[in-house]
Each structure stands twice: as C-alpha cells, then as structure tokens.
All heavy atoms as atom14 arrays in JSON, in Angstrom:
{
  "sequence": "PEPANTHEAPPAWGGHDFYNVPAMYGIFRVANSWRV",
  "atom14_mask": [
    [1, 1, 1, 1, 1, 1, 1, 0, 0, 0, 0, 0, 0, 0],
    [1, 1, 1, 1, 1, 1, 1, 1, 1, 0, 0, 0, 0, 0],
    [1, 1, 1, 1, 1, 1, 1, 0, 0, 0, 0, 0, 0, 0],
    [1, 1, 1, 1, 1, 0, 0, 0, 0, 0, 0, 0, 0, 0],
    [1, 1, 1, 1, 1, 1, 1, 1, 0, 0, 0, 0, 0, 0],
    [1, 1, 1, 1, 1, 1, 1, 0, 0, 0, 0, 0, 0, 0],
    [1, 1, 1, 1, 1, 1, 1, 1, 1, 1, 0, 0, 0, 0],
    [1, 1, 1, 1, 1, 1, 1, 1, 1, 0, 0, 0, 0, 0],
    [1, 1, 1, 1, 1, 0, 0, 0, 0, 0, 0, 0, 0, 0],
    [1, 1, 1, 1, 1, 1, 1, 0, 0, 0, 0, 0, 0, 0],
    [1, 1, 1, 1, 1, 1, 1, 0, 0, 0, 0, 0, 0, 0],
    [1, 1, 1, 1, 1, 0, 0, 0, 0, 0, 0, 0, 0, 0],
    [1, 1, 1, 1, 1, 1, 1, 1, 1, 1, 1, 1, 1, 1],
    [1, 1, 1, 1, 0, 0, 0, 0, 0, 0, 0, 0, 0, 0],
    [1, 1, 1, 1, 0, 0, 0, 0, 0, 0, 0, 0, 0, 0],
    [1, 1, 1, 1, 1, 1, 1, 1, 1, 1, 0, 0, 0, 0],
    [1, 1, 1, 1, 1, 1, 1, 1, 0, 0, 0, 0, 0, 0],
    [1, 1, 1, 1, 1, 1, 1, 1, 1, 1, 1, 0, 0, 0],
    [1, 1, 1, 1, 1, 1, 1, 1, 1, 1, 1, 1, 0, 0],
    [1, 1, 1, 1, 1, 1, 1, 1, 0, 0, 0, 0, 0, 0],
    [1, 1, 1, 1, 1, 1, 1, 0, 0, 0, 0, 0, 0, 0],
    [1, 1, 1, 1, 1, 1, 1, 0, 0, 0, 0, 0, 0, 0],
    [1, 1, 1, 1, 1, 0, 0, 0, 0, 0, 0, 0, 0, 0],
    [1, 1, 1, 1, 1, 1, 1, 1, 0, 0, 0, 0, 0, 0],
    [1, 1, 1, 1, 1, 1, 1, 1, 1, 1, 1, 1, 0, 0],
    [1, 1, 1, 1, 0, 0, 0, 0, 0, 0, 0, 0, 0, 0],
    [1, 1, 1, 1, 1, 1, 1, 1, 0, 0, 0, 0, 0, 0],
    [1, 1, 1, 1, 1, 1, 1, 1, 1, 1, 1, 0, 0, 0],
    [1, 1, 1, 1, 1, 1, 1, 1, 1, 1, 1, 0, 0, 0],
    [1, 1, 1, 1, 1, 1, 1, 0, 0, 0, 0, 0, 0, 0],
    [1, 1, 1, 1, 1, 0, 0, 0, 0, 0, 0, 0, 0, 0],
    [1, 1, 1, 1, 1, 1, 1, 1, 0, 0, 0, 0, 0, 0],
    [1, 1, 1, 1, 1, 1, 0, 0, 0, 0, 0, 0, 0, 0],
    [1, 1, 1, 1, 1, 1, 1, 1, 1, 1, 1, 1, 1, 1],
    [1, 1, 1, 1, 1, 1, 1, 1, 1, 1, 1, 0, 0, 0],
    [1, 1, 1, 1, 1, 1, 1, 0, 0, 0, 0, 0, 0, 0]
  ],
  "atom14_positions": [
    [[-48.19, -8.44, -46.92], [-48.67, -7.13, -46.51], [-50.19, -7.08, -46.47], [-50.85, -7.5, -47.41], [-48.11, -6.17, -47.57], [-47.88, -7.04, -48.75], [-47.51, -8.39, -48.22], [0.0, 0.0, 0.0], [0.0, 0.0, 0.0], [0.0, 0.0, 0.0], [0.0, 0.0, 0.0], [0.0, 0.0, 0.0], [0.0, 0.0, 0.0], [0.0, 0.0, 0.0]],
    [[-50.75, -6.63, -45.37], [-52.2, -6.48, -45.28], [-52.62, -5.27, -46.12], [-51.82, -4.4, -46.42], [-52.6, -6.26, -43.82], [-52.46, -7.5, -42.97], [-53.43, -8.6, -43.4], [-54.57, -8.26, -43.73], [-53.04, -9.76, -43.41], [0.0, 0.0, 0.0], [0.0, 0.0, 0.0], [0.0, 0.0, 0.0], [0.0, 0.0, 0.0], [0.0, 0.0, 0.0]],
    [[-53.9, -5.19, -46.51], [-54.36, -4.06, -47.31], [-54.01, -2.7, -46.7], [-53.67, -1.78, -47.4], [-55.88, -4.28, -47.34], [-56.05, -5.76, -47.2], [-54.92, -6.19, -46.28], [0.0, 0.0, 0.0], [0.0, 0.0, 0.0], [0.0, 0.0, 0.0], [0.0, 0.0, 0.0], [0.0, 0.0, 0.0], [0.0, 0.0, 0.0], [0.0, 0.0, 0.0]],
    [[-54.04, -2.61, -45.35], [-53.75, -1.32, -44.71], [-52.29, -0.91, -44.9], [-51.97, 0.25, -44.82], [-54.07, -1.4, -43.22], [0.0, 0.0, 0.0], [0.0, 0.0, 0.0], [0.0, 0.0, 0.0], [0.0, 0.0, 0.0], [0.0, 0.0, 0.0], [0.0, 0.0, 0.0], [0.0, 0.0, 0.0], [0.0, 0.0, 0.0], [0.0, 0.0, 0.0]],
    [[-51.41, -1.87, -45.17], [-50.01, -1.55, -45.38], [-49.75, -1.05, -46.8], [-48.69, -0.52, -47.09], [-49.13, -2.78, -45.11], [-49.16, -3.17, -43.64], [-49.48, -2.36, -42.8], [-48.86, -4.42, -43.36], [0.0, 0.0, 0.0], [0.0, 0.0, 0.0], [0.0, 0.0, 0.0], [0.0, 0.0, 0.0], [0.0, 0.0, 0.0], [0.0, 0.0, 0.0]],
    [[-50.68, -1.3, -47.68], [-50.54, -0.87, -49.06], [-51.08, 0.55, -49.24], [-50.44, 1.41, -49.78], [-51.3, -1.82, -50.01], [-50.84, -3.15, -49.77], [-51.05, -1.44, -51.45], [0.0, 0.0, 0.0], [0.0, 0.0, 0.0], [0.0, 0.0, 0.0], [0.0, 0.0, 0.0], [0.0, 0.0, 0.0], [0.0, 0.0, 0.0], [0.0, 0.0, 0.0]],
    [[-52.29, 0.76, -48.76], [-52.94, 2.06, -48.84], [-53.87, 2.21, -47.65], [-53.9, 1.37, -46.76], [-53.74, 2.21, -50.14], [-52.91, 2.03, -51.36], [-51.85, 2.85, -51.68], [-52.95, 1.08, -52.33], [-51.3, 2.43, -52.8], [-51.93, 1.37, -53.21], [0.0, 0.0, 0.0], [0.0, 0.0, 0.0], [0.0, 0.0, 0.0], [0.0, 0.0, 0.0]],
    [[-54.64, 3.26, -47.69], [-55.65, 3.47, -46.66], [-56.58, 2.26, -46.6], [-57.06, 1.78, -47.62], [-56.45, 4.74, -47.03], [-57.64, 5.01, -46.13], [-58.45, 6.17, -46.66], [-57.98, 6.83, -47.62], [-59.54, 6.42, -46.14], [0.0, 0.0, 0.0], [0.0, 0.0, 0.0], [0.0, 0.0, 0.0], [0.0, 0.0, 0.0], [0.0, 0.0, 0.0]],
    [[-56.83, 1.76, -45.4], [-57.67, 0.57, -45.26], [-59.11, 0.89, -45.62], [-59.63, 1.95, -45.26], [-57.6, 0.06, -43.83], [0.0, 0.0, 0.0], [0.0, 0.0, 0.0], [0.0, 0.0, 0.0], [0.0, 0.0, 0.0], [0.0, 0.0, 0.0], [0.0, 0.0, 0.0], [0.0, 0.0, 0.0], [0.0, 0.0, 0.0], [0.0, 0.0, 0.0]],
    [[-59.79, -0.02, -46.32], [-61.2, 0.21, -46.66], [-62.08, 0.08, -45.43], [-61.72, -0.59, -44.47], [-61.49, -0.89, -47.67], [-60.54, -1.98, -47.32], [-59.29, -1.29, -46.85], [0.0, 0.0, 0.0], [0.0, 0.0, 0.0], [0.0, 0.0, 0.0], [0.0, 0.0, 0.0], [0.0, 0.0, 0.0], [0.0, 0.0, 0.0], [0.0, 0.0, 0.0]],
    [[-63.26, 0.71, -45.45], [-64.21, 0.53, -44.35], [-64.69, -0.91, -44.3], [-64.33, -1.73, -45.14], [-65.35, 1.5, -44.71], [-64.77, 2.42, -45.73], [-63.73, 1.63, -46.46], [0.0, 0.0, 0.0], [0.0, 0.0, 0.0], [0.0, 0.0, 0.0], [0.0, 0.0, 0.0], [0.0, 0.0, 0.0], [0.0, 0.0, 0.0], [0.0, 0.0, 0.0]],
    [[-65.52, -1.21, -43.36], [-66.04, -2.58, -43.22], [-66.78, -2.99, -44.49], [-67.43, -2.18, -45.15], [-66.97, -2.66, -42.02], [0.0, 0.0, 0.0], [0.0, 0.0, 0.0], [0.0, 0.0, 0.0], [0.0, 0.0, 0.0], [0.0, 0.0, 0.0], [0.0, 0.0, 0.0], [0.0, 0.0, 0.0], [0.0, 0.0, 0.0], [0.0, 0.0, 0.0]],
    [[-66.65, -4.28, -44.83], [-67.31, -4.8, -46.04], [-68.8, -4.5, -45.99], [-69.46, -4.72, -44.98], [-67.07, -6.3, -46.14], [-68.01, -6.98, -47.07], [-69.0, -7.85, -46.75], [-68.07, -6.84, -48.49], [-69.67, -8.27, -47.86], [-69.12, -7.67, -48.95], [-67.35, -6.09, -49.41], [-69.45, -7.75, -50.29], [-67.68, -6.19, -50.75], [-68.72, -7.01, -51.18]],
    [[-69.31, -3.99, -47.1], [-70.73, -3.69, -47.2], [-71.06, -2.26, -46.84], [-72.19, -1.82, -47.02], [0.0, 0.0, 0.0], [0.0, 0.0, 0.0], [0.0, 0.0, 0.0], [0.0, 0.0, 0.0], [0.0, 0.0, 0.0], [0.0, 0.0, 0.0], [0.0, 0.0, 0.0], [0.0, 0.0, 0.0], [0.0, 0.0, 0.0], [0.0, 0.0, 0.0]],
    [[-70.08, -1.5, -46.3], [-70.33, -0.12, -45.95], [-70.55, 0.74, -47.19], [-70.13, 0.39, -48.3], [0.0, 0.0, 0.0], [0.0, 0.0, 0.0], [0.0, 0.0, 0.0], [0.0, 0.0, 0.0], [0.0, 0.0, 0.0], [0.0, 0.0, 0.0], [0.0, 0.0, 0.0], [0.0, 0.0, 0.0], [0.0, 0.0, 0.0], [0.0, 0.0, 0.0]],
    [[-71.17, 1.89, -46.99], [-71.51, 2.77, -48.11], [-70.28, 3.23, -48.87], [-70.3, 3.37, -50.09], [-72.3, 3.97, -47.6], [-72.67, 4.95, -48.68], [-73.63, 4.68, -49.64], [-72.2, 6.2, -48.96], [-73.73, 5.72, -50.46], [-72.87, 6.65, -50.06], [0.0, 0.0, 0.0], [0.0, 0.0, 0.0], [0.0, 0.0, 0.0], [0.0, 0.0, 0.0]],
    [[-69.18, 3.48, -48.16], [-67.97, 4.03, -48.77], [-66.89, 2.98, -49.01], [-65.71, 3.31, -49.18], [-67.39, 5.14, -47.9], [-68.34, 6.33, -47.8], [-69.02, 6.62, -48.79], [-68.4, 6.94, -46.72], [0.0, 0.0, 0.0], [0.0, 0.0, 0.0], [0.0, 0.0, 0.0], [0.0, 0.0, 0.0], [0.0, 0.0, 0.0], [0.0, 0.0, 0.0]],
    [[-67.27, 1.71, -49.06], [-66.28, 0.63, -49.15], [-65.37, 0.79, -50.36], [-64.16, 0.6, -50.28], [-66.98, -0.72, -49.21], [-66.04, -1.89, -49.2], [-65.45, -2.32, -48.02], [-65.72, -2.56, -50.37], [-64.58, -3.39, -48.0], [-64.84, -3.63, -50.36], [-64.28, -4.04, -49.17], [0.0, 0.0, 0.0], [0.0, 0.0, 0.0], [0.0, 0.0, 0.0]],
    [[-65.94, 1.12, -51.55], [-65.15, 1.19, -52.77], [-64.64, 2.6, -53.07], [-64.03, 2.82, -54.11], [-65.97, 0.7, -53.97], [-66.23, -0.79, -53.94], [-67.51, -1.28, -53.78], [-65.19, -1.7, -54.07], [-67.76, -2.65, -53.75], [-65.42, -3.06, -54.04], [-66.71, -3.53, -53.89], [-66.93, -4.88, -53.86], [0.0, 0.0, 0.0], [0.0, 0.0, 0.0]],
    [[-64.9, 3.55, -52.18], [-64.56, 4.94, -52.47], [-63.23, 5.39, -51.89], [-62.93, 6.58, -51.92], [-65.68, 5.87, -51.96], [-66.98, 5.65, -52.72], [-66.96, 5.22, -53.88], [-68.09, 5.95, -52.09], [0.0, 0.0, 0.0], [0.0, 0.0, 0.0], [0.0, 0.0, 0.0], [0.0, 0.0, 0.0], [0.0, 0.0, 0.0], [0.0, 0.0, 0.0]],
    [[-62.44, 4.48, -51.36], [-61.12, 4.83, -50.85], [-60.06, 4.35, -51.84], [-60.3, 3.42, -52.61], [-60.88, 4.2, -49.45], [-61.85, 4.77, -48.44], [-60.99, 2.68, -49.52], [0.0, 0.0, 0.0], [0.0, 0.0, 0.0], [0.0, 0.0, 0.0], [0.0, 0.0, 0.0], [0.0, 0.0, 0.0], [0.0, 0.0, 0.0], [0.0, 0.0, 0.0]],
    [[-58.88, 4.99, -51.86], [-57.83, 4.58, -52.81], [-57.48, 3.1, -52.73], [-57.13, 2.49, -53.74], [-56.64, 5.46, -52.41], [-57.27, 6.68, -51.83], [-58.49, 6.19, -51.1], [0.0, 0.0, 0.0], [0.0, 0.0, 0.0], [0.0, 0.0, 0.0], [0.0, 0.0, 0.0], [0.0, 0.0, 0.0], [0.0, 0.0, 0.0], [0.0, 0.0, 0.0]],
    [[-57.59, 2.5, -51.54], [-57.24, 1.09, -51.39], [-58.07, 0.2, -52.31], [-57.61, -0.85, -52.76], [-57.43, 0.65, -49.94], [0.0, 0.0, 0.0], [0.0, 0.0, 0.0], [0.0, 0.0, 0.0], [0.0, 0.0, 0.0], [0.0, 0.0, 0.0], [0.0, 0.0, 0.0], [0.0, 0.0, 0.0], [0.0, 0.0, 0.0], [0.0, 0.0, 0.0]],
    [[-59.3, 0.62, -52.62], [-60.19, -0.23, -53.42], [-60.34, 0.27, -54.86], [-61.2, -0.23, -55.58], [-61.57, -0.3, -52.74], [-61.54, -0.87, -51.34], [-60.67, -2.44, -51.21], [-61.66, -3.46, -52.3], [0.0, 0.0, 0.0], [0.0, 0.0, 0.0], [0.0, 0.0, 0.0], [0.0, 0.0, 0.0], [0.0, 0.0, 0.0], [0.0, 0.0, 0.0]],
    [[-59.54, 1.23, -55.27], [-59.63, 1.72, -56.64], [-59.39, 0.59, -57.64], [-58.37, -0.1, -57.59], [-58.61, 2.84, -56.86], [-58.4, 3.2, -58.31], [-59.45, 3.61, -59.11], [-57.13, 3.11, -58.89], [-59.27, 3.92, -60.44], [-56.93, 3.44, -60.22], [-58.0, 3.84, -60.99], [-57.81, 4.15, -62.3], [0.0, 0.0, 0.0], [0.0, 0.0, 0.0]],
    [[-60.32, 0.39, -58.55], [-60.18, -0.63, -59.59], [-60.37, -2.04, -59.11], [-60.12, -2.99, -59.86], [0.0, 0.0, 0.0], [0.0, 0.0, 0.0], [0.0, 0.0, 0.0], [0.0, 0.0, 0.0], [0.0, 0.0, 0.0], [0.0, 0.0, 0.0], [0.0, 0.0, 0.0], [0.0, 0.0, 0.0], [0.0, 0.0, 0.0], [0.0, 0.0, 0.0]],
    [[-60.8, -2.23, -57.85], [-60.95, -3.56, -57.28], [-62.4, -3.77, -56.86], [-63.0, -2.9, -56.21], [-60.02, -3.76, -56.07], [-58.57, -3.59, -56.5], [-60.24, -5.13, -55.42], [-57.58, -3.67, -55.35], [0.0, 0.0, 0.0], [0.0, 0.0, 0.0], [0.0, 0.0, 0.0], [0.0, 0.0, 0.0], [0.0, 0.0, 0.0], [0.0, 0.0, 0.0]],
    [[-62.95, -4.92, -57.24], [-64.34, -5.23, -56.93], [-64.44, -6.66, -56.42], [-63.64, -7.52, -56.77], [-65.22, -5.07, -58.18], [-65.02, -3.77, -58.89], [-64.07, -3.66, -59.91], [-65.74, -2.65, -58.54], [-63.86, -2.45, -60.56], [-65.54, -1.44, -59.18], [-64.59, -1.34, -60.19], [0.0, 0.0, 0.0], [0.0, 0.0, 0.0], [0.0, 0.0, 0.0]],
    [[-65.43, -6.9, -55.59], [-65.65, -8.24, -55.08], [-66.66, -8.95, -55.96], [-67.76, -8.45, -56.2], [-66.13, -8.21, -53.63], [-66.37, -9.6, -53.05], [-66.53, -9.54, -51.55], [-66.85, -10.86, -51.02], [-66.68, -11.21, -49.76], [-66.18, -10.35, -48.9], [-67.0, -12.42, -49.34], [0.0, 0.0, 0.0], [0.0, 0.0, 0.0], [0.0, 0.0, 0.0]],
    [[-66.29, -10.14, -56.44], [-67.18, -10.96, -57.26], [-67.2, -12.35, -56.65], [-66.17, -13.05, -56.66], [-66.7, -11.03, -58.72], [-67.65, -11.89, -59.55], [-66.58, -9.64, -59.32], [0.0, 0.0, 0.0], [0.0, 0.0, 0.0], [0.0, 0.0, 0.0], [0.0, 0.0, 0.0], [0.0, 0.0, 0.0], [0.0, 0.0, 0.0], [0.0, 0.0, 0.0]],
    [[-68.35, -12.75, -56.1], [-68.48, -14.04, -55.43], [-67.37, -14.17, -54.38], [-67.19, -13.29, -53.55], [-68.45, -15.18, -56.44], [0.0, 0.0, 0.0], [0.0, 0.0, 0.0], [0.0, 0.0, 0.0], [0.0, 0.0, 0.0], [0.0, 0.0, 0.0], [0.0, 0.0, 0.0], [0.0, 0.0, 0.0], [0.0, 0.0, 0.0], [0.0, 0.0, 0.0]],
    [[-66.58, -15.23, -54.44], [-65.51, -15.45, -53.47], [-64.14, -15.08, -54.04], [-63.18, -15.85, -53.95], [-65.52, -16.91, -53.01], [-66.76, -17.25, -52.22], [-67.21, -16.46, -51.39], [-67.34, -18.41, -52.48], [0.0, 0.0, 0.0], [0.0, 0.0, 0.0], [0.0, 0.0, 0.0], [0.0, 0.0, 0.0], [0.0, 0.0, 0.0], [0.0, 0.0, 0.0]],
    [[-64.06, -13.91, -54.63], [-62.8, -13.44, -55.19], [-62.81, -11.92, -55.3], [-63.86, -11.28, -55.27], [-62.57, -14.07, -56.57], [-63.55, -13.61, -57.49], [0.0, 0.0, 0.0], [0.0, 0.0, 0.0], [0.0, 0.0, 0.0], [0.0, 0.0, 0.0], [0.0, 0.0, 0.0], [0.0, 0.0, 0.0], [0.0, 0.0, 0.0], [0.0, 0.0, 0.0]],
    [[-61.6, -11.35, -55.41], [-61.44, -9.94, -55.72], [-61.05, -9.82, -57.19], [-60.24, -10.6, -57.67], [-60.35, -9.3, -54.86], [-60.65, -9.27, -53.39], [-60.1, -10.04, -52.42], [-61.6, -8.42, -52.74], [-60.64, -9.74, -51.19], [-61.57, -8.73, -51.36], [-62.47, -7.43, -53.18], [-62.36, -8.09, -50.42], [-63.27, -6.78, -52.25], [-63.21, -7.12, -50.89]],
    [[-61.63, -8.86, -57.88], [-61.35, -8.68, -59.31], [-60.78, -7.29, -59.55], [-61.35, -6.28, -59.12], [-62.61, -8.88, -60.15], [-62.4, -8.64, -61.64], [-63.65, -8.9, -62.42], [-64.01, -10.31, -62.4], [-65.11, -10.81, -62.96], [-65.96, -10.0, -63.57], [-65.35, -12.1, -62.9], [0.0, 0.0, 0.0], [0.0, 0.0, 0.0], [0.0, 0.0, 0.0]],
    [[-59.66, -7.25, -60.27], [-59.07, -5.98, -60.7], [-59.54, -5.73, -62.13], [-59.4, -6.59, -63.0], [-57.53, -6.04, -60.65], [-56.94, -4.73, -61.17], [-57.06, -6.3, -59.22], [0.0, 0.0, 0.0], [0.0, 0.0, 0.0], [0.0, 0.0, 0.0], [0.0, 0.0, 0.0], [0.0, 0.0, 0.0], [0.0, 0.0, 0.0], [0.0, 0.0, 0.0]]
  ]
}
C-alpha cells in the first residue's frame, strides 16, 4: 500500500506542511530512513 492508501498523502518532500498531515504523524525522516 502506498502512503496515500493509508491516510491523506503528504505534500511534496521539503514543503512547509510536510509533517503536519495525519499521514506523517509520529514519522520523521532521518538520513536515508523513516523513523517512527
């Protein structure tokens, strides 16, 4: 399942509101990985 199939798709990487949508709640990008 792509991220959009789980929740609202996040905006483009680096955008101002990238982490402010439910899809990215509790998830952060660290180097070449996603961290919960």
